[in-house]
Amino acid sequence: MRPEWLVSFSITVLFTTAILATERDHPPTFEKDIAPILQRSCENCHRPDGGAPMALVSYEDVRPWARAIKDKTSRPDNDPERMPPWFIEKNVGIQRFKNDISLSRDEIALIGTWTDIGAPRGNPGDMPAPIEWPEGAAWSAGAPDLLVSSPVVNVRANGSDWWGSPEPFPMNLSEDRYLKSIEVKEVWPDGLREQAAKSLGKRADLSSGVIHHASVTDVRGDPTAPGAERGGNLVVYELGQNALEYPETVGRLLEAGSHLELSLHTHSIGVEVPVRLDIGFRFYPKDHQPKYETLQFGFIGGPKDSVDIPGGGKAQFDFYYTLPEHAIMSTFEPHMHASGERMCVEVFYGGTHGRREMLNCAGYNHNWVKVYTYEDDAAPLLPKGTMVHLIGWYNNSESNPRVVDPRNWRGYGRRSIDDMFHLLPRFIVMDDEQYIEEVAARRARNPEALERTCHDDGLKTRCGSTGHSTSGR
């Protein structure tokens, strides 16, 4: 028997489909209706050399996959197998994110209707102009201004997980620039992915990549010099990740002549893989004048004894953390492992005595570890003393295709086959004056979006509210 929430979603989609079928002035066709959706949300990967298993560009590409596309796109928001891979639940919390590739309810229903009436091609004259994609990997935030490739690391076909750092390598940056976004791609030799897929067959867990994570740090000047200055963490890359985008108010400076340093965690998948990372940087204009100097990396989550998942079973865990400073939470990034299925994050403004608000909930697929970057004026503004509550759901049963062996108990650990329970947000940390300024600025932009007062009584921040959110919607 299907869960009630899944039945409800299915009824909603069918009802919306019926409305669209009666209200539209023409039956949906590929050229006029479906191709624009695919261009915006699918083609970046589903194109020749885009990384996806098939292209979805022309009618000839798409028609054989019509029913599969309907199935994947019509799944619930938080289904780890839905496409495109964007798992934010649309009925909970903040809904304004940068580079949101998700489909609207109407678009999902339109694809369903088009499939059900036979997936007609339509008039070729209605086809939108083709997109001229850059060669190679798909970049979620746009083609990089600077592309830097790491040294090649050879990952054995069979072996234990490995942690280590190759030698630092130059960025070849000729002038100081402020960072706008950073995106990392795992690159294999041509044809090796196809060979591996054929030889390995269906495998669970993280078999589509050999790099579990890569922490990228900039080193200013000569990295071999005594006391070489490190700029700090730029990004923590994980499998299937999109770009990390820096808010316009933040000035993360990359200095000319800098090098990059990697901290890697690799795992074997049954074939030997010589792998490198391509790191794409996009910059703000040269005259960019930021307000804040850095975007701090947050690591919020349960201790090592907090994850206890029985073999063949499911589990839910909670964790609480109190913010020591005022902050804007710039990103929402759940971090679980293969058995992770869903995470929600809520906040208590002013601790347990304050107002409670759910920021976001999202499904989780550890082959697609997503960074959800809020629009700058929608990012949650959290006063000092805010309590952050993480809720995580895990599925260690046969119904989860990413679990290697569901018979085994799973606990916390660093290996790819272990599990974790963390939130990895990016924060703009503010002092009291900056926080007051930001409150005033948000109230000026939208007086009804921030009707609340907070004060620090020396122990924790107490907040009163009329019920309106501190975050944009």
Protein backbone atom coordinates (compact mmCIF):
# COMPACT_ATOMS: atom_id res chain seq x y z
CA MET A 1 0.00 0.00 0.00
CA ARG A 2 1.40 3.40 -0.98
CA PRO A 3 1.90 6.08 1.70
CA GLU A 4 -0.86 8.71 1.97
CA TRP A 5 1.49 11.54 0.96
CA LEU A 6 2.41 9.69 -2.26
CA VAL A 7 -1.23 9.02 -3.10
CA SER A 8 -2.02 12.68 -2.47
CA PHE A 9 0.80 13.81 -4.77
CA SER A 10 -0.38 11.45 -7.55
CA ILE A 11 -3.96 12.73 -7.31
CA THR A 12 -2.71 16.33 -7.46
CA VAL A 13 -0.65 15.67 -10.61
CA LEU A 14 -3.56 13.84 -12.32
CA PHE A 15 -5.98 16.64 -11.42
CA THR A 16 -3.56 19.30 -12.71
CA THR A 17 -3.06 17.29 -15.91
CA ALA A 18 -6.81 17.25 -16.52
CA ILE A 19 -7.03 21.02 -16.02
CA LEU A 20 -4.15 21.65 -18.43
CA ALA A 21 -5.66 19.36 -21.05
CA THR A 22 -8.92 21.32 -21.01
CA GLU A 23 -7.52 24.85 -20.65
CA ARG A 24 -4.72 24.76 -23.24
CA ASP A 25 -5.53 25.94 -26.78
CA HIS A 26 -3.59 23.04 -28.30
CA PRO A 27 -2.41 19.58 -27.33
CA PRO A 28 1.19 19.72 -26.04
CA THR A 29 3.90 18.90 -28.58
CA PHE A 30 7.62 18.33 -28.29
CA GLU A 31 8.76 21.34 -30.34
CA LYS A 32 6.45 23.91 -28.77
CA ASP A 33 6.07 22.71 -25.17
CA ILE A 34 8.53 20.01 -24.09
CA ALA A 35 11.80 21.10 -25.71
CA PRO A 36 11.95 24.44 -23.80
CA ILE A 37 11.57 22.56 -20.49
CA LEU A 38 14.36 20.14 -21.38
CA GLN A 39 16.63 22.95 -22.53
CA ARG A 40 16.28 24.77 -19.22
CA SER A 41 16.42 21.87 -16.76
CA CYS A 42 17.85 18.78 -18.49
CA GLU A 43 20.11 19.49 -21.47
CA ASN A 44 22.99 20.80 -19.39
CA CYS A 45 23.76 17.15 -18.60
CA HIS A 46 21.60 15.27 -21.12
CA ARG A 47 23.53 16.24 -24.27
CA PRO A 48 26.49 14.79 -26.14
CA ASP A 49 29.48 14.74 -23.76
CA GLY A 50 27.36 16.24 -20.99
CA GLY A 51 27.88 13.35 -18.59
CA ALA A 52 24.37 11.87 -18.60
CA PRO A 53 23.73 8.37 -20.01
CA MET A 54 21.62 9.69 -22.90
CA ALA A 55 21.06 12.94 -24.79
CA LEU A 56 17.66 14.65 -24.58
CA VAL A 57 18.11 17.32 -27.24
CA SER A 58 16.23 16.32 -30.40
CA TYR A 59 12.84 14.67 -30.79
CA GLU A 60 14.62 11.51 -31.93
CA ASP A 61 16.63 11.57 -28.68
CA VAL A 62 13.63 12.11 -26.44
CA ARG A 63 10.79 10.07 -27.93
CA PRO A 64 12.08 6.61 -26.84
CA TRP A 65 12.42 7.90 -23.26
CA ALA A 66 9.06 9.66 -22.99
CA ARG A 67 7.50 7.31 -20.42
CA ALA A 68 10.70 7.15 -18.38
CA ILE A 69 10.84 10.95 -18.36
CA LYS A 70 7.23 11.12 -17.18
CA ASP A 71 8.01 8.62 -14.42
CA LYS A 72 11.15 10.37 -13.18
CA THR A 73 9.77 13.92 -13.29
CA SER A 74 6.40 13.09 -11.66
CA ARG A 75 7.86 11.53 -8.52
CA PRO A 76 7.45 13.38 -5.20
CA ASP A 77 9.76 16.34 -4.61
CA ASN A 78 11.89 14.46 -2.09
CA ASP A 79 12.11 11.16 -3.96
CA PRO A 80 15.87 10.42 -4.23
CA GLU A 81 15.32 8.99 -7.72
CA ARG A 82 13.44 11.95 -9.23
CA MET A 83 14.77 14.01 -12.13
CA PRO A 84 16.07 16.58 -12.51
CA PRO A 85 18.10 15.97 -9.33
CA TRP A 86 16.69 18.72 -7.13
CA PHE A 87 15.09 17.38 -3.97
CA ILE A 88 13.75 20.45 -2.13
CA GLU A 89 10.18 19.88 -0.91
CA LYS A 90 8.05 22.58 -2.48
CA ASN A 91 5.39 22.68 0.23
CA VAL A 92 7.83 23.37 3.08
CA GLY A 93 9.97 26.38 3.85
CA ILE A 94 11.95 28.76 1.66
CA GLN A 95 11.54 28.30 -2.10
CA ARG A 96 13.90 30.86 -3.60
CA PHE A 97 17.24 29.41 -4.68
CA LYS A 98 19.85 30.31 -7.24
CA ASN A 99 19.98 28.15 -10.39
CA ASP A 100 16.91 26.14 -9.39
CA ILE A 101 16.56 23.43 -12.05
CA SER A 102 13.36 21.89 -10.64
CA LEU A 103 10.17 21.70 -12.65
CA SER A 104 6.93 23.44 -11.72
CA ARG A 105 3.75 21.47 -11.10
CA ASP A 106 2.40 22.70 -14.44
CA GLU A 107 5.54 21.57 -16.29
CA ILE A 108 5.36 18.12 -14.68
CA ALA A 109 1.71 17.80 -15.66
CA LEU A 110 2.48 19.00 -19.19
CA ILE A 111 5.10 16.27 -19.65
CA GLY A 112 2.59 13.73 -18.36
CA THR A 113 -0.13 14.88 -20.76
CA TRP A 114 2.28 14.91 -23.72
CA THR A 115 3.36 11.35 -22.95
CA ASP A 116 -0.20 10.10 -22.46
CA ILE A 117 -1.38 11.42 -25.86
CA GLY A 118 1.45 9.67 -27.68
CA ALA A 119 4.33 12.16 -27.36
CA PRO A 120 3.60 14.04 -30.64
CA ARG A 121 6.38 15.93 -32.36
CA GLY A 122 4.42 18.96 -33.52
CA ASN A 123 5.52 21.68 -35.93
CA PRO A 124 9.31 21.81 -36.48
CA GLY A 125 8.97 25.58 -36.86
CA ASP A 126 8.05 25.80 -33.16
CA MET A 127 11.36 24.29 -32.03
CA PRO A 128 13.44 26.77 -29.97
CA ALA A 129 16.92 27.63 -31.21
CA PRO A 130 19.50 25.07 -30.05
CA ILE A 131 21.71 25.99 -27.14
CA GLU A 132 25.43 26.19 -27.89
CA TRP A 133 26.79 24.30 -24.92
CA PRO A 134 30.50 24.45 -24.04
CA GLU A 135 32.46 21.29 -24.69
CA GLY A 136 32.92 18.78 -21.90
CA ALA A 137 31.38 18.73 -18.45
CA ALA A 138 28.16 20.53 -17.60
CA TRP A 139 28.56 23.63 -15.40
CA SER A 140 25.46 24.37 -13.34
CA ALA A 141 26.26 28.06 -12.77
CA GLY A 142 27.62 28.78 -16.24
CA ALA A 143 30.93 28.36 -18.04
CA PRO A 144 33.87 29.19 -15.75
CA ASP A 145 36.10 32.24 -16.14
CA LEU A 146 39.04 30.13 -14.99
CA LEU A 147 39.41 26.36 -15.24
CA VAL A 148 42.09 24.63 -13.16
CA SER A 149 42.87 20.91 -13.40
CA SER A 150 44.34 18.93 -10.53
CA PRO A 151 47.08 16.30 -10.81
CA VAL A 152 45.84 12.82 -11.71
CA VAL A 153 45.31 10.43 -8.79
CA ASN A 154 45.18 6.70 -9.50
CA VAL A 155 42.41 4.90 -7.57
CA ARG A 156 42.87 1.13 -7.39
CA ALA A 157 40.15 -1.24 -8.55
CA ASN A 158 39.91 -2.86 -5.13
CA GLY A 159 41.16 -1.46 -1.86
CA SER A 160 40.33 0.38 1.31
CA ASP A 161 39.25 4.01 1.39
CA TRP A 162 42.14 6.46 1.07
CA TRP A 163 42.64 9.92 2.54
CA GLY A 164 45.48 12.14 1.39
CA SER A 165 46.65 15.24 -0.46
CA PRO A 166 48.48 15.50 -3.78
CA GLU A 167 51.04 18.25 -4.22
CA PRO A 168 49.61 21.80 -4.41
CA PHE A 169 49.20 23.02 -7.98
CA PRO A 170 49.11 26.55 -9.47
CA MET A 171 45.87 28.36 -10.27
CA ASN A 172 47.56 30.47 -12.97
CA LEU A 173 45.60 33.49 -11.77
CA SER A 174 47.28 36.66 -13.03
CA GLU A 175 45.40 39.20 -10.87
CA ASP A 176 43.42 39.33 -7.64
CA ARG A 177 39.73 38.52 -8.16
CA TYR A 178 36.63 38.15 -5.98
CA LEU A 179 35.01 34.73 -6.22
CA LYS A 180 31.42 34.45 -7.49
CA SER A 181 31.09 30.67 -7.73
CA ILE A 182 33.18 27.51 -7.63
CA GLU A 183 32.25 24.15 -9.12
CA VAL A 184 34.17 20.88 -9.22
CA LYS A 185 33.95 18.02 -11.72
CA GLU A 186 35.37 14.50 -11.39
CA VAL A 187 37.03 13.61 -14.72
CA TRP A 188 37.84 10.11 -15.96
CA PRO A 189 39.63 9.13 -19.18
CA ASP A 190 37.37 9.07 -22.24
CA GLY A 191 35.31 5.92 -22.51
CA LEU A 192 36.20 4.55 -19.08
CA ARG A 193 32.79 5.25 -17.52
CA GLU A 194 31.04 3.31 -20.28
CA GLN A 195 33.50 0.42 -19.92
CA ALA A 196 33.05 0.39 -16.16
CA ALA A 197 29.25 0.38 -16.43
CA LYS A 198 29.35 -2.63 -18.75
CA SER A 199 31.85 -4.63 -16.71
CA LEU A 200 30.40 -3.86 -13.27
CA GLY A 201 26.72 -4.09 -14.05
CA LYS A 202 24.33 -2.72 -11.44
CA ARG A 203 26.17 -1.68 -8.30
CA ALA A 204 24.95 0.15 -5.24
CA ASP A 205 26.30 3.10 -3.32
CA LEU A 206 28.76 5.48 -5.03
CA SER A 207 29.91 3.48 -8.05
CA SER A 208 29.44 6.40 -10.44
CA GLY A 209 32.48 8.12 -8.88
CA VAL A 210 35.67 7.33 -7.01
CA ILE A 211 36.05 10.61 -5.12
CA HIS A 212 33.92 10.66 -1.99
CA HIS A 213 34.88 14.23 -1.20
CA ALA A 214 37.55 16.80 -1.96
CA SER A 215 38.20 19.83 0.20
CA VAL A 216 39.68 22.66 -1.88
CA THR A 217 41.87 25.31 -0.19
CA ASP A 218 43.80 28.21 -1.69
CA VAL A 219 47.44 28.75 -0.69
CA ARG A 220 48.80 32.23 -1.24
CA GLY A 221 52.18 32.51 -2.89
CA ASP A 222 54.72 29.67 -2.75
CA PRO A 223 53.10 26.65 -1.04
CA THR A 224 56.53 25.21 -0.17
CA ALA A 225 57.70 28.32 1.70
CA PRO A 226 57.81 28.15 5.51
CA GLY A 227 54.60 29.52 6.97
CA ALA A 228 52.80 29.62 3.62
CA GLU A 229 49.49 31.41 4.12
CA ARG A 230 46.32 29.43 3.47
CA GLY A 231 43.23 31.36 2.50
CA GLY A 232 40.86 28.78 3.92
CA ASN A 233 38.35 26.31 2.57
CA LEU A 234 36.79 27.28 -0.76
CA VAL A 235 34.48 24.32 -1.24
CA VAL A 236 33.98 20.71 -0.17
CA TYR A 237 33.15 18.80 -3.33
CA GLU A 238 31.03 15.65 -3.20
CA LEU A 239 29.65 13.35 -5.88
CA GLY A 240 27.10 14.92 -8.22
CA GLN A 241 27.44 18.36 -6.65
CA ASN A 242 26.42 21.61 -8.29
CA ALA A 243 28.14 24.99 -7.90
CA LEU A 244 28.68 26.78 -4.60
CA GLU A 245 27.73 30.40 -5.21
CA TYR A 246 28.98 33.31 -3.14
CA PRO A 247 26.56 36.14 -2.27
CA GLU A 248 27.17 39.55 -3.81
CA THR A 249 27.83 40.98 -0.36
CA VAL A 250 30.75 38.60 0.29
CA GLY A 251 34.27 39.26 -0.95
CA ARG A 252 36.19 36.00 -0.99
CA LEU A 253 39.45 37.17 -2.54
CA LEU A 254 41.63 34.87 -4.62
CA GLU A 255 45.11 36.36 -4.92
CA ALA A 256 47.28 36.32 -8.02
CA GLY A 257 49.91 33.60 -7.95
CA SER A 258 47.95 31.38 -5.55
CA HIS A 259 47.99 27.59 -5.57
CA LEU A 260 45.27 25.09 -4.78
CA GLU A 261 45.55 22.31 -2.22
CA LEU A 262 43.27 19.26 -2.06
CA SER A 263 42.30 17.03 0.83
CA LEU A 264 40.91 13.90 -0.83
CA HIS A 265 38.88 10.88 0.22
CA THR A 266 38.70 8.19 -2.48
CA HIS A 267 37.11 4.75 -2.62
CA SER A 268 37.47 1.79 -4.98
CA ILE A 269 34.59 0.67 -7.22
CA GLY A 270 35.94 -2.47 -8.92
CA VAL A 271 37.83 -0.88 -11.83
CA GLU A 272 41.05 1.12 -11.74
CA VAL A 273 40.41 4.81 -12.35
CA PRO A 274 43.03 7.51 -13.05
CA VAL A 275 41.01 10.55 -11.96
CA ARG A 276 41.48 14.28 -11.81
CA LEU A 277 39.34 17.21 -10.69
CA ASP A 278 38.47 20.12 -12.94
CA ILE A 279 37.74 23.18 -10.80
CA GLY A 280 35.78 26.00 -12.42
CA PHE A 281 35.88 29.54 -10.99
CA ARG A 282 33.56 32.39 -11.87
CA PHE A 283 34.46 35.90 -10.72
CA TYR A 284 32.65 39.10 -9.90
CA PRO A 285 33.53 42.18 -12.00
CA LYS A 286 36.90 43.72 -11.20
CA ASP A 287 35.28 46.74 -9.55
CA HIS A 288 33.25 44.56 -7.16
CA GLN A 289 33.00 46.09 -3.66
CA PRO A 290 31.91 43.47 -1.10
CA LYS A 291 30.54 44.22 2.36
CA TYR A 292 31.73 41.06 4.13
CA GLU A 293 35.14 39.43 3.85
CA THR A 294 34.33 35.74 3.93
CA LEU A 295 31.72 33.00 3.79
CA GLN A 296 32.35 30.69 6.72
CA PHE A 297 32.01 26.92 6.42
CA GLY A 298 29.61 25.41 8.95
CA PHE A 299 29.74 21.83 10.22
CA ILE A 300 26.62 21.04 12.24
CA GLY A 301 25.64 17.52 13.16
CA GLY A 302 25.50 14.57 15.48
CA PRO A 303 28.44 13.06 17.37
CA LYS A 304 29.95 9.74 16.36
CA ASP A 305 27.59 7.71 18.54
CA SER A 306 24.47 9.40 17.17
CA VAL A 307 23.94 7.17 14.11
CA ASP A 308 22.61 3.68 14.84
CA ILE A 309 20.75 2.06 11.92
CA PRO A 310 19.70 -1.58 12.18
CA GLY A 311 20.27 -3.99 9.32
CA GLY A 312 17.29 -4.00 6.98
CA GLY A 313 15.66 -1.18 8.92
CA LYS A 314 14.95 2.53 8.97
CA ALA A 315 15.78 5.21 11.53
CA GLN A 316 15.30 8.88 12.42
CA PHE A 317 17.78 11.07 14.30
CA ASP A 318 17.74 14.59 15.75
CA PHE A 319 20.49 17.06 16.57
CA TYR A 320 20.41 20.54 18.14
CA TYR A 321 22.94 23.35 17.84
CA THR A 322 22.89 26.93 19.16
CA LEU A 323 24.39 29.66 16.98
CA PRO A 324 27.10 31.57 18.88
CA GLU A 325 26.91 34.62 16.57
CA HIS A 326 24.45 36.47 14.35
CA ALA A 327 24.55 34.98 10.86
CA ILE A 328 22.98 34.80 7.43
CA MET A 329 22.67 31.17 6.38
CA SER A 330 23.64 31.33 2.71
CA THR A 331 23.24 27.66 1.78
CA PHE A 332 21.27 24.57 2.74
CA GLU A 333 23.38 21.43 2.27
CA PRO A 334 22.40 18.13 3.89
CA HIS A 335 25.25 15.66 4.31
CA MET A 336 24.36 12.06 4.96
CA HIS A 337 25.71 8.92 3.29
CA ALA A 338 24.26 6.07 1.24
CA SER A 339 21.36 5.18 3.56
CA GLY A 340 20.32 8.83 4.04
CA GLU A 341 16.91 9.62 2.51
CA ARG A 342 15.66 12.94 3.85
CA MET A 343 16.68 15.88 6.04
CA CYS A 344 14.74 18.79 7.52
CA VAL A 345 16.20 21.85 9.25
CA GLU A 346 14.14 24.03 11.54
CA VAL A 347 15.14 26.89 13.81
CA PHE A 348 14.00 28.21 17.17
CA TYR A 349 14.62 31.96 17.21
CA GLY A 350 16.03 32.85 20.60
CA GLY A 351 16.43 29.22 21.63
CA THR A 352 13.63 26.99 22.87
CA HIS A 353 11.77 30.06 24.18
CA GLY A 354 11.53 31.60 20.72
CA ARG A 355 9.42 31.15 17.62
CA ARG A 356 9.81 27.93 15.63
CA GLU A 357 10.20 27.88 11.84
CA MET A 358 10.97 25.10 9.36
CA LEU A 359 13.58 26.41 6.92
CA ASN A 360 13.65 23.53 4.45
CA CYS A 361 13.19 19.81 3.89
CA ALA A 362 14.82 17.84 1.10
CA GLY A 363 15.23 14.30 -0.11
CA TYR A 364 18.76 12.94 -0.23
CA ASN A 365 20.67 10.87 -2.79
CA HIS A 366 24.38 10.45 -2.12
CA ASN A 367 25.03 10.19 -5.85
CA TRP A 368 23.67 13.76 -6.10
CA VAL A 369 24.92 15.73 -3.09
CA LYS A 370 23.31 19.10 -3.70
CA VAL A 371 24.18 22.58 -2.45
CA TYR A 372 21.03 24.70 -2.37
CA THR A 373 22.13 28.34 -2.45
CA TYR A 374 19.47 30.80 -1.32
CA GLU A 375 18.74 33.95 -3.27
CA ASP A 376 20.62 36.67 -1.43
CA ASP A 377 17.51 38.38 -0.03
CA ALA A 378 15.86 35.05 0.84
CA ALA A 379 18.69 33.57 2.91
CA PRO A 380 17.63 33.06 6.56
CA LEU A 381 18.76 35.82 8.92
CA LEU A 382 19.48 34.13 12.25
CA PRO A 383 20.15 36.08 15.44
CA LYS A 384 22.70 34.91 17.98
CA GLY A 385 21.20 32.24 20.19
CA THR A 386 19.07 30.70 17.45
CA MET A 387 18.73 26.95 18.00
CA VAL A 388 19.14 24.87 14.83
CA HIS A 389 17.32 21.52 14.80
CA LEU A 390 18.38 18.83 12.29
CA ILE A 391 16.10 15.88 11.57
CA GLY A 392 17.43 13.02 9.45
CA TRP A 393 15.72 9.93 8.02
CA TYR A 394 17.68 6.83 6.97
CA ASN A 395 16.73 3.75 4.97
CA ASN A 396 19.03 0.74 5.33
CA SER A 397 16.65 -1.69 3.62
CA GLU A 398 16.56 -3.38 0.24
CA SER A 399 14.30 -0.59 -1.04
CA ASN A 400 17.29 1.79 -1.01
CA PRO A 401 19.41 1.02 -4.11
CA ARG A 402 22.42 2.95 -2.78
CA VAL A 403 23.00 0.62 0.18
CA VAL A 404 25.69 -2.01 -0.55
CA ASP A 405 24.40 -4.69 1.85
CA PRO A 406 21.20 -3.90 3.76
CA ARG A 407 21.73 -6.90 6.05
CA ASN A 408 24.48 -5.00 7.88
CA TRP A 409 24.10 -2.57 10.76
CA ARG A 410 25.30 0.91 9.84
CA GLY A 411 26.80 3.54 12.12
CA TYR A 412 28.78 6.75 11.97
CA GLY A 413 32.09 6.62 10.11
CA ARG A 414 34.36 8.27 7.56
CA ARG A 415 34.29 5.46 5.01
CA SER A 416 31.94 5.61 2.05
CA ILE A 417 30.03 2.57 3.33
CA ASP A 418 29.49 4.21 6.75
CA ASP A 419 26.96 6.94 7.50
CA MET A 420 26.98 10.54 8.71
CA PHE A 421 24.42 13.07 9.92
CA HIS A 422 25.48 16.66 9.24
CA LEU A 423 24.38 19.97 7.82
CA LEU A 424 27.14 21.82 5.93
CA PRO A 425 25.86 25.40 5.57
CA ARG A 426 27.81 28.51 4.61
CA PHE A 427 27.38 31.48 6.93
CA ILE A 428 27.94 35.20 6.73
CA VAL A 429 28.83 35.93 10.35
CA MET A 430 27.90 39.41 11.63
CA ASP A 431 28.53 41.55 14.67
CA ASP A 432 25.70 43.35 16.47
CA GLU A 433 25.93 46.47 14.31
CA GLN A 434 25.90 44.52 11.05
CA TYR A 435 22.98 42.43 12.23
CA ILE A 436 20.91 45.52 13.08
CA GLU A 437 21.78 46.99 9.66
CA GLU A 438 20.63 43.82 7.91
CA VAL A 439 17.36 43.74 9.86
CA ALA A 440 16.70 47.34 8.84
CA ALA A 441 17.58 46.65 5.20
CA ARG A 442 15.22 43.67 5.01
CA ARG A 443 12.43 45.57 6.70
CA ALA A 444 12.89 48.41 4.20
CA ARG A 445 12.65 45.99 1.26
CA ASN A 446 9.60 44.22 2.64
CA PRO A 447 8.06 45.60 5.84
CA GLU A 448 5.81 42.58 6.34
CA ALA A 449 8.58 40.01 5.94
CA LEU A 450 10.42 40.93 9.12
CA GLU A 451 8.16 42.14 11.92
CA ARG A 452 10.09 40.92 14.95
CA THR A 453 12.21 42.26 17.78
CA CYS A 454 15.19 40.57 19.43
CA HIS A 455 17.40 41.49 22.37
CA ASP A 456 20.29 39.83 24.17
CA ASP A 457 19.72 39.42 27.91
CA GLY A 458 23.33 38.34 28.46
CA LEU A 459 22.62 34.63 28.22
CA LYS A 460 20.59 34.09 25.07
CA THR A 461 18.71 36.14 22.51
CA ARG A 462 14.99 36.58 23.21
CA CYS A 463 12.77 37.27 20.21
CA GLY A 464 9.22 38.41 19.85
CA SER A 465 7.37 38.03 16.57
CA THR A 466 4.10 38.73 14.83
CA GLY A 467 4.46 35.44 13.00
CA HIS A 468 6.27 36.69 9.91
CA SER A 469 9.43 35.00 8.73
CA THR A 470 12.96 36.39 8.92
CA SER A 471 13.64 34.64 5.64
CA GLY A 472 12.42 35.45 2.15
CA ARG A 473 9.91 33.19 0.44
